[in-house]
Amino acid sequence: MDNSQSLSYQAGQAKGQAQEKGNQMMDRAANAAQSARETIQEAGQQMQAKAQEATNAVKNATGLNK
């Protein structure tokens, strides 16, 4: 392999490594986004349940829950 082939090979290797690193970073970002969505969804469900509990408590206290 002459010098220009060696440099071309090394450039190809570097490009491939950079692409793989980029793919790994995108995968991590996608996983983080999915985790955030799930956390927000769980928080929303908990808030909804608490609101329902509060509504029922008011109904019970005012006698409307009969």
C-alpha atoms as a PDB file:
ATOM      1  CA  MET A   1       0.000   0.000   0.000  1.00  0.00           C
ATOM      2  CA  ASP A   2       1.509   3.337  -0.999  1.00  0.00           C
ATOM      3  CA  ASN A   3       1.247   6.465   1.114  1.00  0.00           C
ATOM      4  CA  SER A   4      -1.879   7.882  -0.580  1.00  0.00           C
ATOM      5  CA  GLN A   5      -3.696   4.531  -0.219  1.00  0.00           C
ATOM      6  CA  SER A   6      -2.688   4.411   3.431  1.00  0.00           C
ATOM      7  CA  LEU A   7      -3.984   7.920   4.049  1.00  0.00           C
ATOM      8  CA  SER A   8      -7.208   7.130   2.184  1.00  0.00           C
ATOM      9  CA  TYR A   9      -7.651   3.974   4.261  1.00  0.00           C
ATOM     10  CA  GLN A  10      -7.058   5.905   7.481  1.00  0.00           C
ATOM     11  CA  ALA A  11      -9.527   8.585   6.407  1.00  0.00           C
ATOM     12  CA  GLY A  12     -12.110   5.894   5.698  1.00  0.00           C
ATOM     13  CA  GLN A  13     -11.491   4.335   9.101  1.00  0.00           C
ATOM     14  CA  ALA A  14     -11.872   7.708  10.818  1.00  0.00           C
ATOM     15  CA  LYS A  15     -15.090   8.413   8.899  1.00  0.00           C
ATOM     16  CA  GLY A  16     -16.511   5.034   9.885  1.00  0.00           C
ATOM     17  CA  GLN A  17     -15.607   5.575  13.540  1.00  0.00           C
ATOM     18  CA  ALA A  18     -17.154   9.053  13.506  1.00  0.00           C
ATOM     19  CA  GLN A  19     -20.360   7.696  11.968  1.00  0.00           C
ATOM     20  CA  GLU A  20     -20.550   4.945  14.600  1.00  0.00           C
ATOM     21  CA  LYS A  21     -19.976   7.474  17.404  1.00  0.00           C
ATOM     22  CA  GLY A  22     -22.704   9.665  15.916  1.00  0.00           C
ATOM     23  CA  ASN A  23     -25.085   6.704  15.777  1.00  0.00           C
ATOM     24  CA  GLN A  24     -24.346   5.858  19.399  1.00  0.00           C
ATOM     25  CA  MET A  25     -25.024   9.457  20.454  1.00  0.00           C
ATOM     26  CA  MET A  26     -28.310   9.513  18.527  1.00  0.00           C
ATOM     27  CA  ASP A  27     -29.346   6.243  20.172  1.00  0.00           C
ATOM     28  CA  ARG A  28     -28.566   7.684  23.607  1.00  0.00           C
ATOM     29  CA  ALA A  29     -30.542  10.838  22.826  1.00  0.00           C
ATOM     30  CA  ALA A  30     -33.514   8.787  21.613  1.00  0.00           C
ATOM     31  CA  ASN A  31     -33.391   6.660  24.764  1.00  0.00           C
ATOM     32  CA  ALA A  32     -33.241   9.758  26.959  1.00  0.00           C
ATOM     33  CA  ALA A  33     -36.205  11.281  25.134  1.00  0.00           C
ATOM     34  CA  GLN A  34     -38.242   8.093  25.510  1.00  0.00           C
ATOM     35  CA  SER A  35     -37.407   7.937  29.213  1.00  0.00           C
ATOM     36  CA  ALA A  36     -38.470  11.572  29.640  1.00  0.00           C
ATOM     37  CA  ARG A  37     -41.766  10.892  27.830  1.00  0.00           C
ATOM     38  CA  GLU A  38     -42.474   7.933  30.105  1.00  0.00           C
ATOM     39  CA  THR A  39     -41.636   9.937  33.233  1.00  0.00           C
ATOM     40  CA  ILE A  40     -43.894  12.802  32.154  1.00  0.00           C
ATOM     41  CA  GLN A  41     -46.705  10.389  31.302  1.00  0.00           C
ATOM     42  CA  GLU A  42     -46.423   8.724  34.721  1.00  0.00           C
ATOM     43  CA  ALA A  43     -46.451  12.127  36.438  1.00  0.00           C
ATOM     44  CA  GLY A  44     -49.559  13.090  34.471  1.00  0.00           C
ATOM     45  CA  GLN A  45     -51.309   9.884  35.507  1.00  0.00           C
ATOM     46  CA  GLN A  46     -50.410  10.499  39.157  1.00  0.00           C
ATOM     47  CA  MET A  47     -51.722  14.069  38.960  1.00  0.00           C
ATOM     48  CA  GLN A  48     -54.945  12.841  37.387  1.00  0.00           C
ATOM     49  CA  ALA A  49     -55.399  10.261  40.153  1.00  0.00           C
ATOM     50  CA  LYS A  50     -54.743  12.906  42.847  1.00  0.00           C
ATOM     51  CA  ALA A  51     -57.252  15.263  41.229  1.00  0.00           C
ATOM     52  CA  GLN A  52     -59.849  12.492  41.193  1.00  0.00           C
ATOM     53  CA  GLU A  53     -59.142  11.761  44.865  1.00  0.00           C
ATOM     54  CA  ALA A  54     -59.564  15.446  45.705  1.00  0.00           C
ATOM     55  CA  THR A  55     -62.825  15.596  43.751  1.00  0.00           C
ATOM     56  CA  ASN A  56     -64.147  12.566  45.611  1.00  0.00           C
ATOM     57  CA  ALA A  57     -63.090  14.043  48.962  1.00  0.00           C
ATOM     58  CA  VAL A  58     -65.009  17.256  48.188  1.00  0.00           C
ATOM     59  CA  LYS A  59     -68.058  15.272  47.075  1.00  0.00           C
ATOM     60  CA  ASN A  60     -67.920  13.182  50.247  1.00  0.00           C
ATOM     61  CA  ALA A  61     -67.506  16.254  52.446  1.00  0.00           C
ATOM     62  CA  THR A  62     -70.423  18.054  50.807  1.00  0.00           C
ATOM     63  CA  GLY A  63     -72.693  15.018  50.587  1.00  0.00           C
ATOM     64  CA  LEU A  64     -72.759  15.056  46.766  1.00  0.00           C
ATOM     65  CA  ASN A  65     -71.296  11.569  46.455  1.00  0.00           C
ATOM     66  CA  LYS A  66     -74.523   9.661  47.133  1.00  0.00           C
END
